[in-house]
Amino acid sequence: QVQLVESGGGLVQAGGSLRLSCAASGRYISDYAMAWFRQAPGKEREFLIAISWNAGKTYYADSVKDRFTISRDNAKNMVYLQVNSLKPEDTAVYYCAAKMSRSPWLAGNRNSYDYWGQGTQVTVSS
């Protein structure tokens, strides 16, 4: 079992930045592909960005390309999401997800992932 805990969310003005963190425990995530999703009220959970087990590949949703960056530190069992140029429409709960895989996977499909965190709220004011 892998436990994931997100942090770093909060209230930020439009144009601002945040760095979200995902702390993993229970197992080392060096064999895991990791991703970030978000869910706004009344909407489905949306794929944002994903990174392969060794950071060799990253995948982006078009809506966040050039604004969001994912990184990982396997030695610390951590994954990060840098979010820049925030917009009010970025307001959502942001979730970290993990999939045990060193092979290609359907990064944008939420059903691909085995473990999820409880999320961290990001609110962007205009």
Foldseek 3Di string as FASTA:
>chain_A
DKAKAKDWADEEAAQAKIKMKIAIDDDQQLQKKKFKWWDDPPGDIWGAKIAASVRPDMDGDPVQPPFWDWDDDRVRRMIMIIGGRDDQVVWTWMKMFIARHNDDDDRGDPVRTDDMYPTDTHGYHD
